[in-house]
Amino acid sequence: MKGLGLDVKLDRLLIEDFEMNIYGVSDDICILGEVTMRLGHTLIDELERKINFLREKKPEILKPKLIKVIYTTTATPKAIEKAKEYGIWIVTARQEYTPLKIHET
């Protein structure tokens, strides 16, 4: 994620039967997200559930600041609107559908 001025290695997070496609930490920031070809609104809810699960069950792997992200090739209008409500950054190789937001964990 050097494009944001962050030097963060992104990887997949696996904890028992829990999986998140995007996970990375650096200093005081954590990046959590998913990857999909076509983003529908249900993945927005799924990402929020996964983040809440980590806050409750594994808070030690999080940092004080959080970036929620979904990388996709295309997104439905409903998914984009819902992502804006939750402050989820929707990004493709060519554009950003929603703005980057840094949350407090």
PDB file of N, CA and C in Angstrom:
ATOM      1  N   MET A   1       0.829  -1.197   0.000  1.00  0.00           N
ATOM      2  CA  MET A   1       0.000   0.000   0.000  1.00  0.00           C
ATOM      3  C   MET A   1       0.864   1.249   0.000  1.00  0.00           C
ATOM      4  N   LYS A   2       1.905   1.222  -0.746  1.00  0.00           N
ATOM      5  CA  LYS A   2       2.801   2.358  -0.786  1.00  0.00           C
ATOM      6  C   LYS A   2       2.166   3.580  -1.432  1.00  0.00           C
ATOM      7  N   GLY A   3       1.130   3.404  -2.243  1.00  0.00           N
ATOM      8  CA  GLY A   3       0.465   4.532  -2.868  1.00  0.00           C
ATOM      9  C   GLY A   3      -0.181   5.472  -1.875  1.00  0.00           C
ATOM     10  N   LEU A   4      -0.468   4.998  -0.678  1.00  0.00           N
ATOM     11  CA  LEU A   4      -1.056   5.830   0.364  1.00  0.00           C
ATOM     12  C   LEU A   4      -0.004   6.413   1.297  1.00  0.00           C
ATOM     13  N   GLY A   5       1.235   6.170   1.003  1.00  0.00           N
ATOM     14  CA  GLY A   5       2.289   6.607   1.899  1.00  0.00           C
ATOM     15  C   GLY A   5       2.489   5.644   3.058  1.00  0.00           C
ATOM     16  N   LEU A   6       1.894   4.479   2.955  1.00  0.00           N
ATOM     17  CA  LEU A   6       2.036   3.444   3.979  1.00  0.00           C
ATOM     18  C   LEU A   6       2.881   2.310   3.432  1.00  0.00           C
ATOM     19  N   ASP A   7       3.734   1.779   4.267  1.00  0.00           N
ATOM     20  CA  ASP A   7       4.501   0.604   3.883  1.00  0.00           C
ATOM     21  C   ASP A   7       3.906  -0.589   4.633  1.00  0.00           C
ATOM     22  N   VAL A   8       2.889  -1.190   4.022  1.00  0.00           N
ATOM     23  CA  VAL A   8       2.140  -2.269   4.655  1.00  0.00           C
ATOM     24  C   VAL A   8       2.120  -3.475   3.732  1.00  0.00           C
ATOM     25  N   LYS A   9       2.509  -4.609   4.241  1.00  0.00           N
ATOM     26  CA  LYS A   9       2.405  -5.852   3.479  1.00  0.00           C
ATOM     27  C   LYS A   9       0.994  -6.393   3.684  1.00  0.00           C
ATOM     28  N   LEU A  10       0.268  -6.559   2.595  1.00  0.00           N
ATOM     29  CA  LEU A  10      -1.089  -7.103   2.661  1.00  0.00           C
ATOM     30  C   LEU A  10      -1.039  -8.595   2.415  1.00  0.00           C
ATOM     31  N   ASP A  11      -1.823  -9.322   3.194  1.00  0.00           N
ATOM     32  CA  ASP A  11      -1.884 -10.767   3.091  1.00  0.00           C
ATOM     33  C   ASP A  11      -3.300 -11.201   3.417  1.00  0.00           C
ATOM     34  N   ARG A  12      -3.514 -12.490   3.426  1.00  0.00           N
ATOM     35  CA  ARG A  12      -4.792 -13.079   3.806  1.00  0.00           C
ATOM     36  C   ARG A  12      -4.735 -13.409   5.291  1.00  0.00           C
ATOM     37  N   LEU A  13      -5.846 -13.276   5.987  1.00  0.00           N
ATOM     38  CA  LEU A  13      -5.915 -13.590   7.410  1.00  0.00           C
ATOM     39  C   LEU A  13      -6.726 -14.866   7.590  1.00  0.00           C
ATOM     40  N   LEU A  14      -6.113 -15.878   8.206  1.00  0.00           N
ATOM     41  CA  LEU A  14      -6.791 -17.143   8.513  1.00  0.00           C
ATOM     42  C   LEU A  14      -6.679 -17.404  10.005  1.00  0.00           C
ATOM     43  N   ILE A  15      -7.822 -17.566  10.662  1.00  0.00           N
ATOM     44  CA  ILE A  15      -7.876 -17.923  12.077  1.00  0.00           C
ATOM     45  C   ILE A  15      -8.916 -19.029  12.194  1.00  0.00           C
ATOM     46  N   GLU A  16      -8.449 -20.249  12.413  1.00  0.00           N
ATOM     47  CA  GLU A  16      -9.332 -21.422  12.446  1.00  0.00           C
ATOM     48  C   GLU A  16     -10.204 -21.435  11.195  1.00  0.00           C
ATOM     49  N   ASP A  17     -11.535 -21.289  11.310  1.00  0.00           N
ATOM     50  CA  ASP A  17     -12.401 -21.314  10.128  1.00  0.00           C
ATOM     51  C   ASP A  17     -12.786 -19.905   9.656  1.00  0.00           C
ATOM     52  N   PHE A  18     -12.123 -18.895  10.183  1.00  0.00           N
ATOM     53  CA  PHE A  18     -12.358 -17.498   9.809  1.00  0.00           C
ATOM     54  C   PHE A  18     -11.337 -17.085   8.747  1.00  0.00           C
ATOM     55  N   GLU A  19     -11.805 -16.402   7.707  1.00  0.00           N
ATOM     56  CA  GLU A  19     -10.901 -15.925   6.662  1.00  0.00           C
ATOM     57  C   GLU A  19     -11.284 -14.523   6.217  1.00  0.00           C
ATOM     58  N   MET A  20     -10.271 -13.686   6.034  1.00  0.00           N
ATOM     59  CA  MET A  20     -10.447 -12.366   5.454  1.00  0.00           C
ATOM     60  C   MET A  20      -9.407 -12.238   4.353  1.00  0.00           C
ATOM     61  N   ASN A  21      -9.825 -11.769   3.166  1.00  0.00           N
ATOM     62  CA  ASN A  21      -8.936 -11.711   1.999  1.00  0.00           C
ATOM     63  C   ASN A  21      -7.797 -10.715   2.134  1.00  0.00           C
ATOM     64  N   ILE A  22      -8.042  -9.594   2.818  1.00  0.00           N
ATOM     65  CA  ILE A  22      -7.035  -8.541   2.940  1.00  0.00           C
ATOM     66  C   ILE A  22      -6.808  -8.227   4.415  1.00  0.00           C
ATOM     67  N   TYR A  23      -5.542  -8.336   4.819  1.00  0.00           N
ATOM     68  CA  TYR A  23      -5.158  -7.987   6.191  1.00  0.00           C
ATOM     69  C   TYR A  23      -3.739  -7.444   6.165  1.00  0.00           C
ATOM     70  N   GLY A  24      -3.542  -6.320   6.807  1.00  0.00           N
ATOM     71  CA  GLY A  24      -2.212  -5.754   6.922  1.00  0.00           C
ATOM     72  C   GLY A  24      -2.151  -4.793   8.091  1.00  0.00           C
ATOM     73  N   VAL A  25      -1.001  -4.719   8.747  1.00  0.00           N
ATOM     74  CA  VAL A  25      -0.810  -3.792   9.862  1.00  0.00           C
ATOM     75  C   VAL A  25       0.532  -3.083   9.720  1.00  0.00           C
ATOM     76  N   SER A  26       0.560  -1.870  10.233  1.00  0.00           N
ATOM     77  CA  SER A  26       1.795  -1.092  10.263  1.00  0.00           C
ATOM     78  C   SER A  26       1.621  -0.020  11.325  1.00  0.00           C
ATOM     79  N   ASP A  27       2.555   0.035  12.239  1.00  0.00           N
ATOM     80  CA  ASP A  27       2.512   1.020  13.322  1.00  0.00           C
ATOM     81  C   ASP A  27       1.133   1.038  13.979  1.00  0.00           C
ATOM     82  N   ASP A  28       0.342   2.094  13.737  1.00  0.00           N
ATOM     83  CA  ASP A  28      -0.946   2.220  14.413  1.00  0.00           C
ATOM     84  C   ASP A  28      -2.140   2.032  13.476  1.00  0.00           C
ATOM     85  N   ILE A  29      -1.907   1.437  12.295  1.00  0.00           N
ATOM     86  CA  ILE A  29      -3.008   1.278  11.338  1.00  0.00           C
ATOM     87  C   ILE A  29      -3.177  -0.173  10.902  1.00  0.00           C
ATOM     88  N   CYS A  30      -4.437  -0.562  10.735  1.00  0.00           N
ATOM     89  CA  CYS A  30      -4.795  -1.911  10.300  1.00  0.00           C
ATOM     90  C   CYS A  30      -5.675  -1.779   9.058  1.00  0.00           C
ATOM     91  N   ILE A  31      -5.431  -2.635   8.078  1.00  0.00           N
ATOM     92  CA  ILE A  31      -6.220  -2.648   6.850  1.00  0.00           C
ATOM     93  C   ILE A  31      -6.932  -3.992   6.778  1.00  0.00           C
ATOM     94  N   LEU A  32      -8.251  -3.942   6.685  1.00  0.00           N
ATOM     95  CA  LEU A  32      -9.068  -5.153   6.615  1.00  0.00           C
ATOM     96  C   LEU A  32      -9.982  -5.056   5.407  1.00  0.00           C
ATOM     97  N   GLY A  33     -10.102  -6.159   4.665  1.00  0.00           N
ATOM     98  CA  GLY A  33     -10.977  -6.097   3.514  1.00  0.00           C
ATOM     99  C   GLY A  33     -11.192  -7.410   2.797  1.00  0.00           C
ATOM    100  N   GLU A  34     -11.891  -7.297   1.695  1.00  0.00           N
ATOM    101  CA  GLU A  34     -12.257  -8.435   0.871  1.00  0.00           C
ATOM    102  C   GLU A  34     -11.941  -8.132  -0.587  1.00  0.00           C
ATOM    103  N   VAL A  35     -11.900  -9.184  -1.388  1.00  0.00           N
ATOM    104  CA  VAL A  35     -11.678  -9.087  -2.827  1.00  0.00           C
ATOM    105  C   VAL A  35     -12.798  -9.845  -3.516  1.00  0.00           C
ATOM    106  N   THR A  36     -13.359  -9.248  -4.556  1.00  0.00           N
ATOM    107  CA  THR A  36     -14.420  -9.901  -5.307  1.00  0.00           C
ATOM    108  C   THR A  36     -14.428  -9.373  -6.736  1.00  0.00           C
ATOM    109  N   MET A  37     -14.919 -10.169  -7.650  1.00  0.00           N
ATOM    110  CA  MET A  37     -15.029  -9.723  -9.037  1.00  0.00           C
ATOM    111  C   MET A  37     -16.165  -8.709  -9.198  1.00  0.00           C
ATOM    112  N   ARG A  38     -17.345  -9.053  -8.673  1.00  0.00           N
ATOM    113  CA  ARG A  38     -18.513  -8.175  -8.793  1.00  0.00           C
ATOM    114  C   ARG A  38     -19.067  -7.938  -7.403  1.00  0.00           C
ATOM    115  N   LEU A  39     -18.997  -6.700  -6.952  1.00  0.00           N
ATOM    116  CA  LEU A  39     -19.421  -6.364  -5.596  1.00  0.00           C
ATOM    117  C   LEU A  39     -20.909  -6.070  -5.539  1.00  0.00           C
ATOM    118  N   GLY A  40     -21.600  -6.864  -4.725  1.00  0.00           N
ATOM    119  CA  GLY A  40     -23.002  -6.619  -4.405  1.00  0.00           C
ATOM    120  C   GLY A  40     -23.103  -6.157  -2.961  1.00  0.00           C
ATOM    121  N   HIS A  41     -24.276  -5.681  -2.568  1.00  0.00           N
ATOM    122  CA  HIS A  41     -24.429  -5.107  -1.221  1.00  0.00           C
ATOM    123  C   HIS A  41     -24.258  -6.112  -0.082  1.00  0.00           C
ATOM    124  N   THR A  42     -24.444  -7.403  -0.342  1.00  0.00           N
ATOM    125  CA  THR A  42     -24.334  -8.379   0.748  1.00  0.00           C
ATOM    126  C   THR A  42     -22.895  -8.520   1.253  1.00  0.00           C
ATOM    127  N   LEU A  43     -21.908  -8.290   0.400  1.00  0.00           N
ATOM    128  CA  LEU A  43     -20.519  -8.371   0.851  1.00  0.00           C
ATOM    129  C   LEU A  43     -20.171  -7.216   1.791  1.00  0.00           C
ATOM    130  N   ILE A  44     -20.853  -6.106   1.653  1.00  0.00           N
ATOM    131  CA  ILE A  44     -20.648  -4.979   2.570  1.00  0.00           C
ATOM    132  C   ILE A  44     -21.016  -5.419   3.984  1.00  0.00           C
ATOM    133  N   ASP A  45     -22.186  -6.043   4.124  1.00  0.00           N
ATOM    134  CA  ASP A  45     -22.620  -6.543   5.437  1.00  0.00           C
ATOM    135  C   ASP A  45     -21.668  -7.613   5.969  1.00  0.00           C
ATOM    136  N   GLU A  46     -21.205  -8.490   5.087  1.00  0.00           N
ATOM    137  CA  GLU A  46     -20.288  -9.549   5.498  1.00  0.00           C
ATOM    138  C   GLU A  46     -18.973  -8.964   6.028  1.00  0.00           C
ATOM    139  N   LEU A  47     -18.449  -7.957   5.355  1.00  0.00           N
ATOM    140  CA  LEU A  47     -17.214  -7.327   5.816  1.00  0.00           C
ATOM    141  C   LEU A  47     -17.429  -6.699   7.198  1.00  0.00           C
ATOM    142  N   GLU A  48     -18.523  -6.019   7.395  1.00  0.00           N
ATOM    143  CA  GLU A  48     -18.818  -5.417   8.704  1.00  0.00           C
ATOM    144  C   GLU A  48     -18.921  -6.481   9.794  1.00  0.00           C
ATOM    145  N   ARG A  49     -19.558  -7.614   9.485  1.00  0.00           N
ATOM    146  CA  ARG A  49     -19.662  -8.713  10.472  1.00  0.00           C
ATOM    147  C   ARG A  49     -18.279  -9.248  10.823  1.00  0.00           C
ATOM    148  N   LYS A  50     -17.439  -9.412   9.816  1.00  0.00           N
ATOM    149  CA  LYS A  50     -16.088  -9.931  10.060  1.00  0.00           C
ATOM    150  C   LYS A  50     -15.267  -8.965  10.909  1.00  0.00           C
ATOM    151  N   ILE A  51     -15.373  -7.685  10.633  1.00  0.00           N
ATOM    152  CA  ILE A  51     -14.644  -6.696  11.424  1.00  0.00           C
ATOM    153  C   ILE A  51     -15.139  -6.702  12.864  1.00  0.00           C
ATOM    154  N   ASN A  52     -16.446  -6.772  13.063  1.00  0.00           N
ATOM    155  CA  ASN A  52     -16.995  -6.828  14.421  1.00  0.00           C
ATOM    156  C   ASN A  52     -16.562  -8.097  15.144  1.00  0.00           C
ATOM    157  N   PHE A  53     -16.476  -9.210  14.420  1.00  0.00           N
ATOM    158  CA  PHE A  53     -15.987 -10.461  15.002  1.00  0.00           C
ATOM    159  C   PHE A  53     -14.556 -10.274  15.513  1.00  0.00           C
ATOM    160  N   LEU A  54     -13.704  -9.676  14.693  1.00  0.00           N
ATOM    161  CA  LEU A  54     -12.311  -9.452  15.101  1.00  0.00           C
ATOM    162  C   LEU A  54     -12.226  -8.498  16.289  1.00  0.00           C
ATOM    163  N   ARG A  55     -13.042  -7.477  16.305  1.00  0.00           N
ATOM    164  CA  ARG A  55     -13.050  -6.540  17.444  1.00  0.00           C
ATOM    165  C   ARG A  55     -13.387  -7.272  18.738  1.00  0.00           C
ATOM    166  N   GLU A  56     -14.303  -8.223  18.644  1.00  0.00           N
ATOM    167  CA  GLU A  56     -14.752  -8.956  19.831  1.00  0.00           C
ATOM    168  C   GLU A  56     -13.816 -10.103  20.214  1.00  0.00           C
ATOM    169  N   LYS A  57     -13.400 -10.900  19.237  1.00  0.00           N
ATOM    170  CA  LYS A  57     -12.661 -12.133  19.520  1.00  0.00           C
ATOM    171  C   LYS A  57     -11.144 -12.009  19.429  1.00  0.00           C
ATOM    172  N   LYS A  58     -10.640 -11.085  18.615  1.00  0.00           N
ATOM    173  CA  LYS A  58      -9.193 -10.962  18.400  1.00  0.00           C
ATOM    174  C   LYS A  58      -8.743  -9.497  18.389  1.00  0.00           C
ATOM    175  N   PRO A  59      -9.108  -8.708  19.382  1.00  0.00           N
ATOM    176  CA  PRO A  59      -8.752  -7.282  19.348  1.00  0.00           C
ATOM    177  C   PRO A  59      -7.244  -7.041  19.331  1.00  0.00           C
ATOM    178  N   GLU A  60      -6.470  -8.017  19.775  1.00  0.00           N
ATOM    179  CA  GLU A  60      -5.012  -7.857  19.813  1.00  0.00           C
ATOM    180  C   GLU A  60      -4.372  -7.790  18.429  1.00  0.00           C
ATOM    181  N   ILE A  61      -5.076  -8.235  17.386  1.00  0.00           N
ATOM    182  CA  ILE A  61      -4.490  -8.168  16.039  1.00  0.00           C
ATOM    183  C   ILE A  61      -4.859  -6.878  15.309  1.00  0.00           C
ATOM    184  N   LEU A  62      -5.680  -6.052  15.947  1.00  0.00           N
ATOM    185  CA  LEU A  62      -6.080  -4.779  15.357  1.00  0.00           C
ATOM    186  C   LEU A  62      -5.182  -3.660  15.867  1.00  0.00           C
ATOM    187  N   LYS A  63      -5.295  -2.509  15.272  1.00  0.00           N
ATOM    188  CA  LYS A  63      -4.541  -1.315  15.648  1.00  0.00           C
ATOM    189  C   LYS A  63      -5.536  -0.192  15.926  1.00  0.00           C
ATOM    190  N   PRO A  64      -5.097   0.926  16.500  1.00  0.00           N
ATOM    191  CA  PRO A  64      -6.032   2.014  16.816  1.00  0.00           C
ATOM    192  C   PRO A  64      -6.765   2.600  15.610  1.00  0.00           C
ATOM    193  N   LYS A  65      -6.135   2.569  14.427  1.00  0.00           N
ATOM    194  CA  LYS A  65      -6.769   3.100  13.218  1.00  0.00           C
ATOM    195  C   LYS A  65      -7.046   1.960  12.246  1.00  0.00           C
ATOM    196  N   LEU A  66      -8.137   2.092  11.503  1.00  0.00           N
ATOM    197  CA  LEU A  66      -8.597   1.013  10.638  1.00  0.00           C
ATOM    198  C   LEU A  66      -9.028   1.559   9.271  1.00  0.00           C
ATOM    199  N   ILE A  67      -8.574   0.894   8.215  1.00  0.00           N
ATOM    200  CA  ILE A  67      -9.069   1.151   6.868  1.00  0.00           C
ATOM    201  C   ILE A  67      -9.842  -0.082   6.435  1.00  0.00           C
ATOM    202  N   LYS A  68     -11.118   0.121   6.067  1.00  0.00           N
ATOM    203  CA  LYS A  68     -11.956  -0.952   5.540  1.00  0.00           C
ATOM    204  C   LYS A  68     -11.938  -0.824   4.019  1.00  0.00           C
ATOM    205  N   VAL A  69     -11.639  -1.928   3.331  1.00  0.00           N
ATOM    206  CA  VAL A  69     -11.488  -1.843   1.878  1.00  0.00           C
ATOM    207  C   VAL A  69     -12.071  -3.075   1.191  1.00  0.00           C
ATOM    208  N   ILE A  70     -12.643  -2.862   0.027  1.00  0.00           N
ATOM    209  CA  ILE A  70     -13.031  -3.958  -0.861  1.00  0.00           C
ATOM    210  C   ILE A  70     -12.447  -3.649  -2.235  1.00  0.00           C
ATOM    211  N   TYR A  71     -11.660  -4.593  -2.742  1.00  0.00           N
ATOM    212  CA  TYR A  71     -11.076  -4.480  -4.072  1.00  0.00           C
ATOM    213  C   TYR A  71     -11.948  -5.297  -5.021  1.00  0.00           C
ATOM    214  N   THR A  72     -12.373  -4.690  -6.121  1.00  0.00           N
ATOM    215  CA  THR A  72     -13.296  -5.339  -7.032  1.00  0.00           C
ATOM    216  C   THR A  72     -13.027  -4.894  -8.463  1.00  0.00           C
ATOM    217  N   THR A  73     -13.673  -5.551  -9.413  1.00  0.00           N
ATOM    218  CA  THR A  73     -13.594  -5.079 -10.794  1.00  0.00           C
ATOM    219  C   THR A  73     -14.789  -4.188 -11.118  1.00  0.00           C
ATOM    220  N   THR A  74     -15.937  -4.448 -10.474  1.00  0.00           N
ATOM    221  CA  THR A  74     -17.134  -3.632 -10.674  1.00  0.00           C
ATOM    222  C   THR A  74     -18.010  -3.716  -9.426  1.00  0.00           C
ATOM    223  N   ALA A  75     -18.817  -2.691  -9.215  1.00  0.00           N
ATOM    224  CA  ALA A  75     -19.681  -2.644  -8.035  1.00  0.00           C
ATOM    225  C   ALA A  75     -21.070  -2.160  -8.430  1.00  0.00           C
ATOM    226  N   THR A  76     -22.078  -2.724  -7.802  1.00  0.00           N
ATOM    227  CA  THR A  76     -23.444  -2.282  -8.059  1.00  0.00           C
ATOM    228  C   THR A  76     -23.685  -0.938  -7.376  1.00  0.00           C
ATOM    229  N   PRO A  77     -24.608  -0.152  -7.902  1.00  0.00           N
ATOM    230  CA  PRO A  77     -24.919   1.134  -7.256  1.00  0.00           C
ATOM    231  C   PRO A  77     -25.351   0.976  -5.793  1.00  0.00           C
ATOM    232  N   LYS A  78     -26.124  -0.064  -5.494  1.00  0.00           N
ATOM    233  CA  LYS A  78     -26.566  -0.296  -4.115  1.00  0.00           C
ATOM    234  C   LYS A  78     -25.377  -0.588  -3.203  1.00  0.00           C
ATOM    235  N   ALA A  79     -24.413  -1.360  -3.692  1.00  0.00           N
ATOM    236  CA  ALA A  79     -23.215  -1.663  -2.904  1.00  0.00           C
ATOM    237  C   ALA A  79     -22.403  -0.397  -2.643  1.00  0.00           C
ATOM    238  N   ILE A  80     -22.296   0.457  -3.638  1.00  0.00           N
ATOM    239  CA  ILE A  80     -21.547   1.706  -3.481  1.00  0.00           C
ATOM    240  C   ILE A  80     -22.200   2.595  -2.424  1.00  0.00           C
ATOM    241  N   GLU A  81     -23.506   2.721  -2.481  1.00  0.00           N
ATOM    242  CA  GLU A  81     -24.220   3.531  -1.489  1.00  0.00           C
ATOM    243  C   GLU A  81     -24.055   2.976  -0.077  1.00  0.00           C
ATOM    244  N   LYS A  82     -24.167   1.664   0.050  1.00  0.00           N
ATOM    245  CA  LYS A  82     -24.019   1.037   1.364  1.00  0.00           C
ATOM    246  C   LYS A  82     -22.590   1.184   1.873  1.00  0.00           C
ATOM    247  N   ALA A  83     -21.617   1.054   0.994  1.00  0.00           N
ATOM    248  CA  ALA A  83     -20.217   1.215   1.387  1.00  0.00           C
ATOM    249  C   ALA A  83     -19.956   2.634   1.881  1.00  0.00           C
ATOM    250  N   LYS A  84     -20.559   3.618   1.253  1.00  0.00           N
ATOM    251  CA  LYS A  84     -20.416   5.005   1.703  1.00  0.00           C
ATOM    252  C   LYS A  84     -20.936   5.166   3.123  1.00  0.00           C
ATOM    253  N   GLU A  85     -22.076   4.522   3.436  1.00  0.00           N
ATOM    254  CA  GLU A  85     -22.660   4.597   4.781  1.00  0.00           C
ATOM    255  C   GLU A  85     -21.702   4.037   5.833  1.00  0.00           C
ATOM    256  N   TYR A  86     -21.019   2.955   5.510  1.00  0.00           N
ATOM    257  CA  TYR A  86     -20.108   2.293   6.450  1.00  0.00           C
ATOM    258  C   TYR A  86     -18.674   2.817   6.379  1.00  0.00           C
ATOM    259  N   GLY A  87     -18.399   3.697   5.445  1.00  0.00           N
ATOM    260  CA  GLY A  87     -17.040   4.215   5.309  1.00  0.00           C
ATOM    261  C   GLY A  87     -16.066   3.184   4.769  1.00  0.00           C
ATOM    262  N   ILE A  88     -16.552   2.340   3.859  1.00  0.00           N
ATOM    263  CA  ILE A  88     -15.710   1.313   3.242  1.00  0.00           C
ATOM    264  C   ILE A  88     -15.176   1.851   1.916  1.00  0.00           C
ATOM    265  N   TRP A  89     -13.885   1.729   1.758  1.00  0.00           N
ATOM    266  CA  TRP A  89     -13.209   2.189   0.544  1.00  0.00           C
ATOM    267  C   TRP A  89     -13.368   1.121  -0.532  1.00  0.00           C
ATOM    268  N   ILE A  90     -14.065   1.451  -1.622  1.00  0.00           N
ATOM    269  CA  ILE A  90     -14.247   0.536  -2.743  1.00  0.00           C
ATOM    270  C   ILE A  90     -13.301   0.986  -3.848  1.00  0.00           C
ATOM    271  N   VAL A  91     -12.412   0.086  -4.238  1.00  0.00           N
ATOM    272  CA  VAL A  91     -11.372   0.455  -5.191  1.00  0.00           C
ATOM    273  C   VAL A  91     -11.222  -0.628  -6.257  1.00  0.00           C
ATOM    274  N   THR A  92     -10.910  -0.179  -7.483  1.00  0.00           N
ATOM    275  CA  THR A  92     -10.600  -1.080  -8.586  1.00  0.00           C
ATOM    276  C   THR A  92      -9.194  -0.732  -9.069  1.00  0.00           C
ATOM    277  N   ALA A  93      -8.745  -1.418 -10.087  1.00  0.00           N
ATOM    278  CA  ALA A  93      -7.443  -1.105 -10.657  1.00  0.00           C
ATOM    279  C   ALA A  93      -7.433   0.280 -11.308  1.00  0.00           C
ATOM    280  N   ARG A  94      -8.599   0.776 -11.673  1.00  0.00           N
ATOM    281  CA  ARG A  94      -8.684   2.038 -12.411  1.00  0.00           C
ATOM    282  C   ARG A  94      -9.320   3.194 -11.658  1.00  0.00           C
ATOM    283  N   GLN A  95     -10.108   2.905 -10.630  1.00  0.00           N
ATOM    284  CA  GLN A  95     -10.820   4.003  -9.982  1.00  0.00           C
ATOM    285  C   GLN A  95     -11.194   3.658  -8.543  1.00  0.00           C
ATOM    286  N   GLU A  96     -11.589   4.690  -7.823  1.00  0.00           N
ATOM    287  CA  GLU A  96     -12.132   4.544  -6.485  1.00  0.00           C
ATOM    288  C   GLU A  96     -13.620   4.880  -6.571  1.00  0.00           C
ATOM    289  N   TYR A  97     -14.460   3.955  -6.113  1.00  0.00           N
ATOM    290  CA  TYR A  97     -15.899   4.216  -6.099  1.00  0.00           C
ATOM    291  C   TYR A  97     -16.299   5.035  -4.881  1.00  0.00           C
ATOM    292  N   THR A  98     -15.569   4.867  -3.789  1.00  0.00           N
ATOM    293  CA  THR A  98     -15.835   5.589  -2.548  1.00  0.00           C
ATOM    294  C   THR A  98     -14.512   6.127  -2.013  1.00  0.00           C
ATOM    295  N   PRO A  99     -14.570   7.156  -1.202  1.00  0.00           N
ATOM    296  CA  PRO A  99     -13.323   7.718  -0.684  1.00  0.00           C
ATOM    297  C   PRO A  99     -12.732   6.866   0.445  1.00  0.00           C
ATOM    298  N   LEU A 100     -11.435   6.964   0.591  1.00  0.00           N
ATOM    299  CA  LEU A 100     -10.732   6.317   1.678  1.00  0.00           C
ATOM    300  C   LEU A 100     -11.100   7.013   2.980  1.00  0.00           C
ATOM    301  N   LYS A 101     -11.405   6.224   4.007  1.00  0.00           N
ATOM    302  CA  LYS A 101     -11.723   6.771   5.322  1.00  0.00           C
ATOM    303  C   LYS A 101     -10.934   5.969   6.357  1.00  0.00           C
ATOM    304  N   ILE A 102     -10.335   6.669   7.293  1.00  0.00           N
ATOM    305  CA  ILE A 102      -9.632   6.010   8.382  1.00  0.00           C
ATOM    306  C   ILE A 102     -10.518   6.066   9.616  1.00  0.00           C
ATOM    307  N   HIS A 103     -10.850   4.896  10.143  1.00  0.00           N
ATOM    308  CA  HIS A 103     -11.720   4.763  11.305  1.00  0.00           C
ATOM    309  C   HIS A 103     -10.890   4.567  12.564  1.00  0.00           C
ATOM    310  N   GLU A 104     -11.482   4.857  13.697  1.00  0.00           N
ATOM    311  CA  GLU A 104     -10.886   4.498  14.981  1.00  0.00           C
ATOM    312  C   GLU A 104     -11.459   3.147  15.373  1.00  0.00           C
ATOM    313  N   THR A 105     -10.567   2.224  15.821  1.00  0.00           N
ATOM    314  CA  THR A 105     -11.086   0.915  16.224  1.00  0.00           C
ATOM    315  C   THR A 105     -11.647   1.024  17.605  1.00  0.00           C
TER     316      THR A 105
END
